[in-house]
């Protein structure tokens, strides 16, 4: 099993931010990535719809022999990962907003979080917030419209700039000093956000933490790749391949797959 691929799925191309972090610290591993752009965004779907889409993606990755599955989607993690762990006999790595480090480090006691509706309304998010952010003002903002713009190649558009400004300005006025990104699409916004935010605001995403956790779980289960052959990396999208290529800067081979 150690020479089998790491499976990753997301509601589109956003999870490539997680893939790049994992690939960076585990360069010898094989990967299969599924960008479910056809059904993006997951954040405005019902819990049952999210679970069903997560099952579909998981079973496709298991059919390809994946030894571990990274749910590189905040919404899918918060709504479906418990079910997936009960149903399938492989390790699952999830991702959720990094509220804990922001709450522990904030000096202004005001933290902003930009996430999907599905993540912000989930029980897991509220449980984490209640546990670590007591006494902290958490400004929750649903990033409505952000994922579709990224999925259609409008990352640097004027429309994106205006949308982000409408979401971020109230947080700046409230004196946040940490901004938590609660969607794997959002790290691609960091260059834009840094221009909008005061220098005192630290942006936090979960990419590196997820990569380190993946490495730790593989090691604990004796699943680190022991083969010296060149890694095989397959990235599939059921949406626009050109957008996927662009976000990955044409560094990897990508293919269209209907799923």
C-alpha atoms as a PDB file:
ATOM      1  CA  UNK A   1       0.000   0.000   0.000  1.00  0.00           C
ATOM      2  CA  UNK A   2       2.881   2.422   0.639  1.00  0.00           C
ATOM      3  CA  UNK A   3       3.498   2.827  -3.080  1.00  0.00           C
ATOM      4  CA  UNK A   4      -0.134   3.700  -3.799  1.00  0.00           C
ATOM      5  CA  UNK A   5      -1.169   7.305  -4.492  1.00  0.00           C
ATOM      6  CA  UNK A   6      -2.455   9.966  -2.135  1.00  0.00           C
ATOM      7  CA  UNK A   7      -5.999  10.877  -3.157  1.00  0.00           C
ATOM      8  CA  UNK A   8      -7.240  14.467  -2.893  1.00  0.00           C
ATOM      9  CA  UNK A   9     -10.602  15.949  -3.789  1.00  0.00           C
ATOM     10  CA  UNK A  10     -12.196  19.367  -3.662  1.00  0.00           C
ATOM     11  CA  UNK A  11     -15.234  21.173  -5.021  1.00  0.00           C
ATOM     12  CA  UNK A  12     -13.096  22.476  -7.878  1.00  0.00           C
ATOM     13  CA  UNK A  13      -9.590  23.813  -8.268  1.00  0.00           C
ATOM     14  CA  UNK A  14      -9.186  25.361  -4.808  1.00  0.00           C
ATOM     15  CA  UNK A  15      -7.802  22.201  -3.233  1.00  0.00           C
ATOM     16  CA  UNK A  16      -4.765  22.480  -5.490  1.00  0.00           C
ATOM     17  CA  UNK A  17      -3.495  24.904  -2.821  1.00  0.00           C
ATOM     18  CA  UNK A  18      -3.482  21.910  -0.455  1.00  0.00           C
ATOM     19  CA  UNK A  19      -2.042  19.569  -3.091  1.00  0.00           C
ATOM     20  CA  UNK A  20       0.915  21.924  -3.628  1.00  0.00           C
ATOM     21  CA  UNK A  21       1.650  22.069   0.115  1.00  0.00           C
ATOM     22  CA  UNK A  22       1.559  18.263   0.457  1.00  0.00           C
ATOM     23  CA  UNK A  23       3.591  17.714  -2.705  1.00  0.00           C
ATOM     24  CA  UNK A  24       6.179  20.189  -1.428  1.00  0.00           C
ATOM     25  CA  UNK A  25       6.939  18.201   1.732  1.00  0.00           C
ATOM     26  CA  UNK A  26       6.267  14.754   0.219  1.00  0.00           C
ATOM     27  CA  UNK A  27       7.862  14.984  -3.250  1.00  0.00           C
ATOM     28  CA  UNK A  28       8.291  11.205  -3.582  1.00  0.00           C
ATOM     29  CA  UNK A  29       4.569  10.473  -3.324  1.00  0.00           C
ATOM     30  CA  UNK A  30       2.162   9.660  -6.144  1.00  0.00           C
ATOM     31  CA  UNK A  31      -1.011  11.775  -6.310  1.00  0.00           C
ATOM     32  CA  UNK A  32      -4.482  11.697  -7.805  1.00  0.00           C
ATOM     33  CA  UNK A  33      -6.413  14.960  -7.558  1.00  0.00           C
ATOM     34  CA  UNK A  34     -10.094  15.428  -8.387  1.00  0.00           C
ATOM     35  CA  UNK A  35     -11.399  18.922  -9.107  1.00  0.00           C
ATOM     36  CA  UNK A  36     -15.178  18.615  -8.950  1.00  0.00           C
ATOM     37  CA  UNK A  37     -15.676  21.968 -10.688  1.00  0.00           C
ATOM     38  CA  UNK A  38     -18.912  20.756 -12.256  1.00  0.00           C
ATOM     39  CA  UNK A  39     -20.574  20.865  -8.838  1.00  0.00           C
ATOM     40  CA  UNK A  40     -18.749  23.873  -7.350  1.00  0.00           C
ATOM     41  CA  UNK A  41     -19.309  25.511  -5.016  1.00  0.00           C
ATOM     42  CA  UNK A  42     -20.253  22.993  -2.314  1.00  0.00           C
ATOM     43  CA  UNK A  43     -20.820  25.806   0.180  1.00  0.00           C
ATOM     44  CA  UNK A  44     -24.377  26.566  -0.892  1.00  0.00           C
ATOM     45  CA  UNK A  45     -25.538  22.926  -1.033  1.00  0.00           C
ATOM     46  CA  UNK A  46     -27.438  20.936   1.589  1.00  0.00           C
ATOM     47  CA  UNK A  47     -25.594  18.629   3.964  1.00  0.00           C
ATOM     48  CA  UNK A  48     -27.014  15.574   2.194  1.00  0.00           C
ATOM     49  CA  UNK A  49     -25.877  16.850  -1.210  1.00  0.00           C
ATOM     50  CA  UNK A  50     -22.373  17.481   0.167  1.00  0.00           C
ATOM     51  CA  UNK A  51     -22.210  13.989   1.677  1.00  0.00           C
ATOM     52  CA  UNK A  52     -23.336  12.379  -1.591  1.00  0.00           C
ATOM     53  CA  UNK A  53     -20.757  14.312  -3.632  1.00  0.00           C
ATOM     54  CA  UNK A  54     -18.056  13.381  -1.111  1.00  0.00           C
ATOM     55  CA  UNK A  55     -19.012   9.702  -1.385  1.00  0.00           C
ATOM     56  CA  UNK A  56     -18.801   9.895  -5.180  1.00  0.00           C
ATOM     57  CA  UNK A  57     -15.339  11.462  -5.058  1.00  0.00           C
ATOM     58  CA  UNK A  58     -14.094   9.085  -2.363  1.00  0.00           C
ATOM     59  CA  UNK A  59     -15.185   5.971  -4.245  1.00  0.00           C
ATOM     60  CA  UNK A  60     -13.553   7.167  -7.440  1.00  0.00           C
ATOM     61  CA  UNK A  61     -10.268   7.676  -5.580  1.00  0.00           C
ATOM     62  CA  UNK A  62     -10.558   4.305  -3.857  1.00  0.00           C
ATOM     63  CA  UNK A  63     -11.161   2.656  -7.242  1.00  0.00           C
ATOM     64  CA  UNK A  64      -7.788   4.130  -8.245  1.00  0.00           C
ATOM     65  CA  UNK A  65      -6.173   2.453  -5.223  1.00  0.00           C
ATOM     66  CA  UNK A  66      -5.516   5.525  -3.080  1.00  0.00           C
ATOM     67  CA  UNK A  67      -3.980   4.730   0.312  1.00  0.00           C
ATOM     68  CA  UNK A  68      -5.177   7.897   2.050  1.00  0.00           C
ATOM     69  CA  UNK A  69      -7.712  10.564   1.128  1.00  0.00           C
ATOM     70  CA  UNK A  70      -7.362  14.265   1.774  1.00  0.00           C
ATOM     71  CA  UNK A  71     -10.685  16.078   1.821  1.00  0.00           C
ATOM     72  CA  UNK A  72      -9.243  19.366   0.554  1.00  0.00           C
ATOM     73  CA  UNK A  73     -12.500  21.220   1.030  1.00  0.00           C
ATOM     74  CA  UNK A  74     -13.610  22.949   4.212  1.00  0.00           C
ATOM     75  CA  UNK A  75     -17.300  22.447   3.438  1.00  0.00           C
ATOM     76  CA  UNK A  76     -16.901  18.726   2.684  1.00  0.00           C
ATOM     77  CA  UNK A  77     -14.783  18.239   5.813  1.00  0.00           C
ATOM     78  CA  UNK A  78     -17.196  19.963   8.171  1.00  0.00           C
ATOM     79  CA  UNK A  79     -20.256  18.241   6.685  1.00  0.00           C
ATOM     80  CA  UNK A  80     -19.103  14.819   5.505  1.00  0.00           C
ATOM     81  CA  UNK A  81     -15.795  13.605   6.923  1.00  0.00           C
ATOM     82  CA  UNK A  82     -17.303  11.886   9.980  1.00  0.00           C
ATOM     83  CA  UNK A  83     -19.524   9.830   7.694  1.00  0.00           C
ATOM     84  CA  UNK A  84     -16.619   9.008   5.354  1.00  0.00           C
ATOM     85  CA  UNK A  85     -14.440   7.822   8.243  1.00  0.00           C
ATOM     86  CA  UNK A  86     -17.192   5.499   9.447  1.00  0.00           C
ATOM     87  CA  UNK A  87     -17.936   4.101   5.982  1.00  0.00           C
ATOM     88  CA  UNK A  88     -14.457   3.554   4.485  1.00  0.00           C
ATOM     89  CA  UNK A  89     -11.390   1.776   5.814  1.00  0.00           C
ATOM     90  CA  UNK A  90      -8.675   4.254   4.818  1.00  0.00           C
ATOM     91  CA  UNK A  91      -7.290   7.263   6.691  1.00  0.00           C
ATOM     92  CA  UNK A  92      -8.976  10.593   5.931  1.00  0.00           C
ATOM     93  CA  UNK A  93      -7.376  13.991   6.397  1.00  0.00           C
ATOM     94  CA  UNK A  94      -9.763  16.916   6.713  1.00  0.00           C
ATOM     95  CA  UNK A  95      -9.427  20.659   6.656  1.00  0.00           C
ATOM     96  CA  UNK A  96     -11.220  23.258   8.727  1.00  0.00           C
ATOM     97  CA  UNK A  97     -10.697  26.977   9.358  1.00  0.00           C
ATOM     98  CA  UNK A  98      -7.683  27.753  11.557  1.00  0.00           C
ATOM     99  CA  UNK A  99      -9.669  29.554  14.233  1.00  0.00           C
ATOM    100  CA  UNK A 100      -7.545  28.137  17.074  1.00  0.00           C
ATOM    101  CA  UNK A 101      -4.186  29.816  16.201  1.00  0.00           C
ATOM    102  CA  UNK A 102      -5.924  33.091  15.337  1.00  0.00           C
ATOM    103  CA  UNK A 103      -7.846  33.119  18.636  1.00  0.00           C
ATOM    104  CA  UNK A 104      -4.723  32.303  20.641  1.00  0.00           C
ATOM    105  CA  UNK A 105      -2.541  34.955  18.988  1.00  0.00           C
ATOM    106  CA  UNK A 106      -4.892  37.905  18.452  1.00  0.00           C
ATOM    107  CA  UNK A 107      -4.001  41.081  20.352  1.00  0.00           C
ATOM    108  CA  UNK A 108      -7.039  43.131  19.320  1.00  0.00           C
ATOM    109  CA  UNK A 109      -9.346  40.250  20.322  1.00  0.00           C
ATOM    110  CA  UNK A 110     -11.079  40.586  16.952  1.00  0.00           C
ATOM    111  CA  UNK A 111     -10.641  37.893  14.275  1.00  0.00           C
ATOM    112  CA  UNK A 112     -12.164  37.760  10.816  1.00  0.00           C
ATOM    113  CA  UNK A 113     -13.075  34.593   8.958  1.00  0.00           C
ATOM    114  CA  UNK A 114     -13.922  34.382   5.281  1.00  0.00           C
ATOM    115  CA  UNK A 115     -15.556  31.058   4.436  1.00  0.00           C
ATOM    116  CA  UNK A 116     -18.413  29.380   2.596  1.00  0.00           C
ATOM    117  CA  UNK A 117     -21.942  29.267   3.981  1.00  0.00           C
ATOM    118  CA  UNK A 118     -21.660  25.486   4.331  1.00  0.00           C
ATOM    119  CA  UNK A 119     -18.586  25.776   6.545  1.00  0.00           C
ATOM    120  CA  UNK A 120     -19.817  28.635   8.723  1.00  0.00           C
ATOM    121  CA  UNK A 121     -23.153  26.912   9.383  1.00  0.00           C
ATOM    122  CA  UNK A 122     -21.637  23.518  10.244  1.00  0.00           C
ATOM    123  CA  UNK A 123     -21.643  21.981  13.728  1.00  0.00           C
ATOM    124  CA  UNK A 124     -17.893  21.302  13.540  1.00  0.00           C
ATOM    125  CA  UNK A 125     -17.097  24.972  12.895  1.00  0.00           C
ATOM    126  CA  UNK A 126     -19.296  26.142  15.768  1.00  0.00           C
ATOM    127  CA  UNK A 127     -17.827  23.534  18.098  1.00  0.00           C
ATOM    128  CA  UNK A 128     -14.273  24.650  17.269  1.00  0.00           C
ATOM    129  CA  UNK A 129     -15.163  28.323  17.648  1.00  0.00           C
ATOM    130  CA  UNK A 130     -16.888  27.767  20.986  1.00  0.00           C
ATOM    131  CA  UNK A 131     -13.894  25.782  22.232  1.00  0.00           C
ATOM    132  CA  UNK A 132     -11.094  28.167  21.270  1.00  0.00           C
ATOM    133  CA  UNK A 133     -12.590  31.602  20.661  1.00  0.00           C
ATOM    134  CA  UNK A 134     -14.278  32.332  23.969  1.00  0.00           C
ATOM    135  CA  UNK A 135     -13.888  36.040  24.680  1.00  0.00           C
ATOM    136  CA  UNK A 136     -12.849  36.710  21.085  1.00  0.00           C
ATOM    137  CA  UNK A 137     -15.023  38.603  18.631  1.00  0.00           C
ATOM    138  CA  UNK A 138     -15.224  36.484  15.486  1.00  0.00           C
ATOM    139  CA  UNK A 139     -16.512  38.295  12.423  1.00  0.00           C
ATOM    140  CA  UNK A 140     -17.936  35.666  10.083  1.00  0.00           C
ATOM    141  CA  UNK A 141     -18.272  36.535   6.406  1.00  0.00           C
ATOM    142  CA  UNK A 142     -19.751  34.220   3.784  1.00  0.00           C
ATOM    143  CA  UNK A 143     -17.611  34.547   0.646  1.00  0.00           C
ATOM    144  CA  UNK A 144     -20.594  34.442  -1.685  1.00  0.00           C
ATOM    145  CA  UNK A 145     -19.500  34.569  -5.321  1.00  0.00           C
ATOM    146  CA  UNK A 146     -15.766  34.087  -4.768  1.00  0.00           C
ATOM    147  CA  UNK A 147     -15.500  30.416  -5.787  1.00  0.00           C
ATOM    148  CA  UNK A 148     -17.400  30.833  -9.089  1.00  0.00           C
ATOM    149  CA  UNK A 149     -15.100  33.732 -10.054  1.00  0.00           C
ATOM    150  CA  UNK A 150     -11.987  31.652  -9.344  1.00  0.00           C
ATOM    151  CA  UNK A 151     -13.446  28.624 -11.134  1.00  0.00           C
ATOM    152  CA  UNK A 152     -14.073  30.726 -14.259  1.00  0.00           C
ATOM    153  CA  UNK A 153     -10.599  32.277 -14.348  1.00  0.00           C
ATOM    154  CA  UNK A 154     -11.586  35.691 -12.934  1.00  0.00           C
ATOM    155  CA  UNK A 155      -9.150  35.703 -10.019  1.00  0.00           C
ATOM    156  CA  UNK A 156      -7.664  39.107 -10.856  1.00  0.00           C
ATOM    157  CA  UNK A 157     -10.830  40.700 -12.212  1.00  0.00           C
ATOM    158  CA  UNK A 158     -12.323  44.037 -11.163  1.00  0.00           C
ATOM    159  CA  UNK A 159     -15.406  42.113 -10.077  1.00  0.00           C
ATOM    160  CA  UNK A 160     -13.283  40.076  -7.652  1.00  0.00           C
ATOM    161  CA  UNK A 161     -11.615  43.227  -6.318  1.00  0.00           C
ATOM    162  CA  UNK A 162     -14.981  44.870  -5.630  1.00  0.00           C
ATOM    163  CA  UNK A 163     -16.421  41.744  -4.041  1.00  0.00           C
ATOM    164  CA  UNK A 164     -13.467  41.253  -1.703  1.00  0.00           C
ATOM    165  CA  UNK A 165     -13.461  44.919  -0.727  1.00  0.00           C
ATOM    166  CA  UNK A 166     -17.111  44.674   0.327  1.00  0.00           C
ATOM    167  CA  UNK A 167     -16.265  41.681   2.532  1.00  0.00           C
ATOM    168  CA  UNK A 168     -12.981  42.938   3.982  1.00  0.00           C
ATOM    169  CA  UNK A 169     -13.708  46.613   4.713  1.00  0.00           C
ATOM    170  CA  UNK A 170     -16.106  45.885   7.618  1.00  0.00           C
ATOM    171  CA  UNK A 171     -13.478  43.598   9.160  1.00  0.00           C
ATOM    172  CA  UNK A 172     -10.831  46.324   8.920  1.00  0.00           C
ATOM    173  CA  UNK A 173     -13.236  48.779  10.554  1.00  0.00           C
ATOM    174  CA  UNK A 174     -13.780  46.260  13.377  1.00  0.00           C
ATOM    175  CA  UNK A 175      -9.984  46.175  13.987  1.00  0.00           C
ATOM    176  CA  UNK A 176      -9.172  42.574  13.114  1.00  0.00           C
ATOM    177  CA  UNK A 177      -5.532  41.540  13.360  1.00  0.00           C
ATOM    178  CA  UNK A 178      -6.039  38.017  11.970  1.00  0.00           C
ATOM    179  CA  UNK A 179      -7.961  36.935   8.885  1.00  0.00           C
ATOM    180  CA  UNK A 180      -8.720  33.211   8.667  1.00  0.00           C
ATOM    181  CA  UNK A 181      -9.327  31.787   5.205  1.00  0.00           C
ATOM    182  CA  UNK A 182     -11.954  29.059   5.482  1.00  0.00           C
ATOM    183  CA  UNK A 183     -11.994  27.714   1.932  1.00  0.00           C
ATOM    184  CA  UNK A 184      -9.181  26.079  -0.035  1.00  0.00           C
ATOM    185  CA  UNK A 185      -9.879  28.354  -3.001  1.00  0.00           C
ATOM    186  CA  UNK A 186      -9.078  31.422  -0.918  1.00  0.00           C
ATOM    187  CA  UNK A 187      -5.260  31.120  -0.568  1.00  0.00           C
ATOM    188  CA  UNK A 188      -5.114  32.165  -4.230  1.00  0.00           C
ATOM    189  CA  UNK A 189      -6.565  35.495  -3.054  1.00  0.00           C
ATOM    190  CA  UNK A 190      -3.685  36.228  -0.656  1.00  0.00           C
ATOM    191  CA  UNK A 191      -1.773  38.585  -3.015  1.00  0.00           C
ATOM    192  CA  UNK A 192      -4.955  40.628  -3.523  1.00  0.00           C
ATOM    193  CA  UNK A 193      -5.883  40.556   0.169  1.00  0.00           C
ATOM    194  CA  UNK A 194      -2.440  41.732   1.267  1.00  0.00           C
ATOM    195  CA  UNK A 195      -2.922  44.897  -0.780  1.00  0.00           C
ATOM    196  CA  UNK A 196      -6.284  45.554   0.898  1.00  0.00           C
ATOM    197  CA  UNK A 197      -5.396  44.755   4.498  1.00  0.00           C
ATOM    198  CA  UNK A 198      -3.345  46.808   6.971  1.00  0.00           C
ATOM    199  CA  UNK A 199       0.137  45.399   7.572  1.00  0.00           C
ATOM    200  CA  UNK A 200      -0.789  44.406  11.119  1.00  0.00           C
ATOM    201  CA  UNK A 201      -3.299  41.820   9.818  1.00  0.00           C
ATOM    202  CA  UNK A 202      -1.970  38.274   9.539  1.00  0.00           C
ATOM    203  CA  UNK A 203      -3.624  35.955   7.029  1.00  0.00           C
ATOM    204  CA  UNK A 204      -3.965  32.312   8.094  1.00  0.00           C
ATOM    205  CA  UNK A 205      -4.829  29.319   5.947  1.00  0.00           C
ATOM    206  CA  UNK A 206      -4.606  25.622   6.796  1.00  0.00           C
ATOM    207  CA  UNK A 207      -2.475  24.352   3.911  1.00  0.00           C
ATOM    208  CA  UNK A 208       0.828  23.670   5.666  1.00  0.00           C
ATOM    209  CA  UNK A 209      -0.893  22.205   8.730  1.00  0.00           C
ATOM    210  CA  UNK A 210      -2.826  19.788   6.519  1.00  0.00           C
ATOM    211  CA  UNK A 211       0.372  18.789   4.705  1.00  0.00           C
ATOM    212  CA  UNK A 212       2.160  18.080   7.993  1.00  0.00           C
ATOM    213  CA  UNK A 213      -0.806  16.080   9.280  1.00  0.00           C
ATOM    214  CA  UNK A 214      -0.870  14.030   6.069  1.00  0.00           C
ATOM    215  CA  UNK A 215       2.836  13.302   6.474  1.00  0.00           C
ATOM    216  CA  UNK A 216       2.346  12.318  10.125  1.00  0.00           C
ATOM    217  CA  UNK A 217      -0.569   9.960   9.398  1.00  0.00           C
ATOM    218  CA  UNK A 218       1.300   8.288   6.534  1.00  0.00           C
ATOM    219  CA  UNK A 219       4.322   7.780   8.787  1.00  0.00           C
ATOM    220  CA  UNK A 220       2.230   6.457  11.679  1.00  0.00           C
ATOM    221  CA  UNK A 221       0.570   3.920   9.374  1.00  0.00           C
ATOM    222  CA  UNK A 222       3.827   2.967   7.636  1.00  0.00           C
ATOM    223  CA  UNK A 223       2.451   4.282   4.340  1.00  0.00           C
ATOM    224  CA  UNK A 224       5.224   6.630   3.202  1.00  0.00           C
ATOM    225  CA  UNK A 225       6.334   5.753  -0.313  1.00  0.00           C
ATOM    226  CA  UNK A 226       9.413   3.527  -0.212  1.00  0.00           C
ATOM    227  CA  UNK A 227       9.787   3.244  -3.980  1.00  0.00           C
ATOM    228  CA  UNK A 228      12.393   5.379  -5.761  1.00  0.00           C
ATOM    229  CA  UNK A 229      10.528   5.533  -9.065  1.00  0.00           C
ATOM    230  CA  UNK A 230       9.459   8.897 -10.467  1.00  0.00           C
ATOM    231  CA  UNK A 231       6.192  10.028  -8.834  1.00  0.00           C
ATOM    232  CA  UNK A 232       3.048   9.786 -10.950  1.00  0.00           C
ATOM    233  CA  UNK A 233       0.812  12.816 -10.524  1.00  0.00           C
ATOM    234  CA  UNK A 234      -2.636  12.834 -12.095  1.00  0.00           C
ATOM    235  CA  UNK A 235      -4.936  15.854 -11.840  1.00  0.00           C
ATOM    236  CA  UNK A 236      -8.462  15.540 -13.160  1.00  0.00           C
ATOM    237  CA  UNK A 237     -11.198  18.131 -13.600  1.00  0.00           C
ATOM    238  CA  UNK A 238     -14.766  17.799 -14.794  1.00  0.00           C
ATOM    239  CA  UNK A 239     -14.721  21.524 -15.574  1.00  0.00           C
ATOM    240  CA  UNK A 240     -12.473  23.890 -17.529  1.00  0.00           C
ATOM    241  CA  UNK A 241      -9.012  22.320 -17.842  1.00  0.00           C
ATOM    242  CA  UNK A 242      -7.457  25.630 -18.913  1.00  0.00           C
ATOM    243  CA  UNK A 243      -8.405  27.240 -15.595  1.00  0.00           C
ATOM    244  CA  UNK A 244      -6.836  24.311 -13.728  1.00  0.00           C
ATOM    245  CA  UNK A 245      -3.675  24.609 -15.842  1.00  0.00           C
ATOM    246  CA  UNK A 246      -3.521  28.338 -15.197  1.00  0.00           C
ATOM    247  CA  UNK A 247      -3.856  28.033 -11.419  1.00  0.00           C
ATOM    248  CA  UNK A 248      -1.113  25.361 -11.435  1.00  0.00           C
ATOM    249  CA  UNK A 249       1.045  27.508 -13.771  1.00  0.00           C
ATOM    250  CA  UNK A 250       1.160  24.562 -16.230  1.00  0.00           C
ATOM    251  CA  UNK A 251       3.523  22.670 -13.921  1.00  0.00           C
ATOM    252  CA  UNK A 252       1.550  19.417 -13.999  1.00  0.00           C
ATOM    253  CA  UNK A 253      -0.299  17.300 -16.540  1.00  0.00           C
ATOM    254  CA  UNK A 254      -4.055  17.679 -16.230  1.00  0.00           C
ATOM    255  CA  UNK A 255      -6.939  15.852 -17.899  1.00  0.00           C
ATOM    256  CA  UNK A 256     -10.681  16.217 -18.279  1.00  0.00           C
ATOM    257  CA  UNK A 257     -12.679  13.481 -16.583  1.00  0.00           C
ATOM    258  CA  UNK A 258     -16.447  13.196 -16.415  1.00  0.00           C
ATOM    259  CA  UNK A 259     -17.452  12.339 -12.869  1.00  0.00           C
END
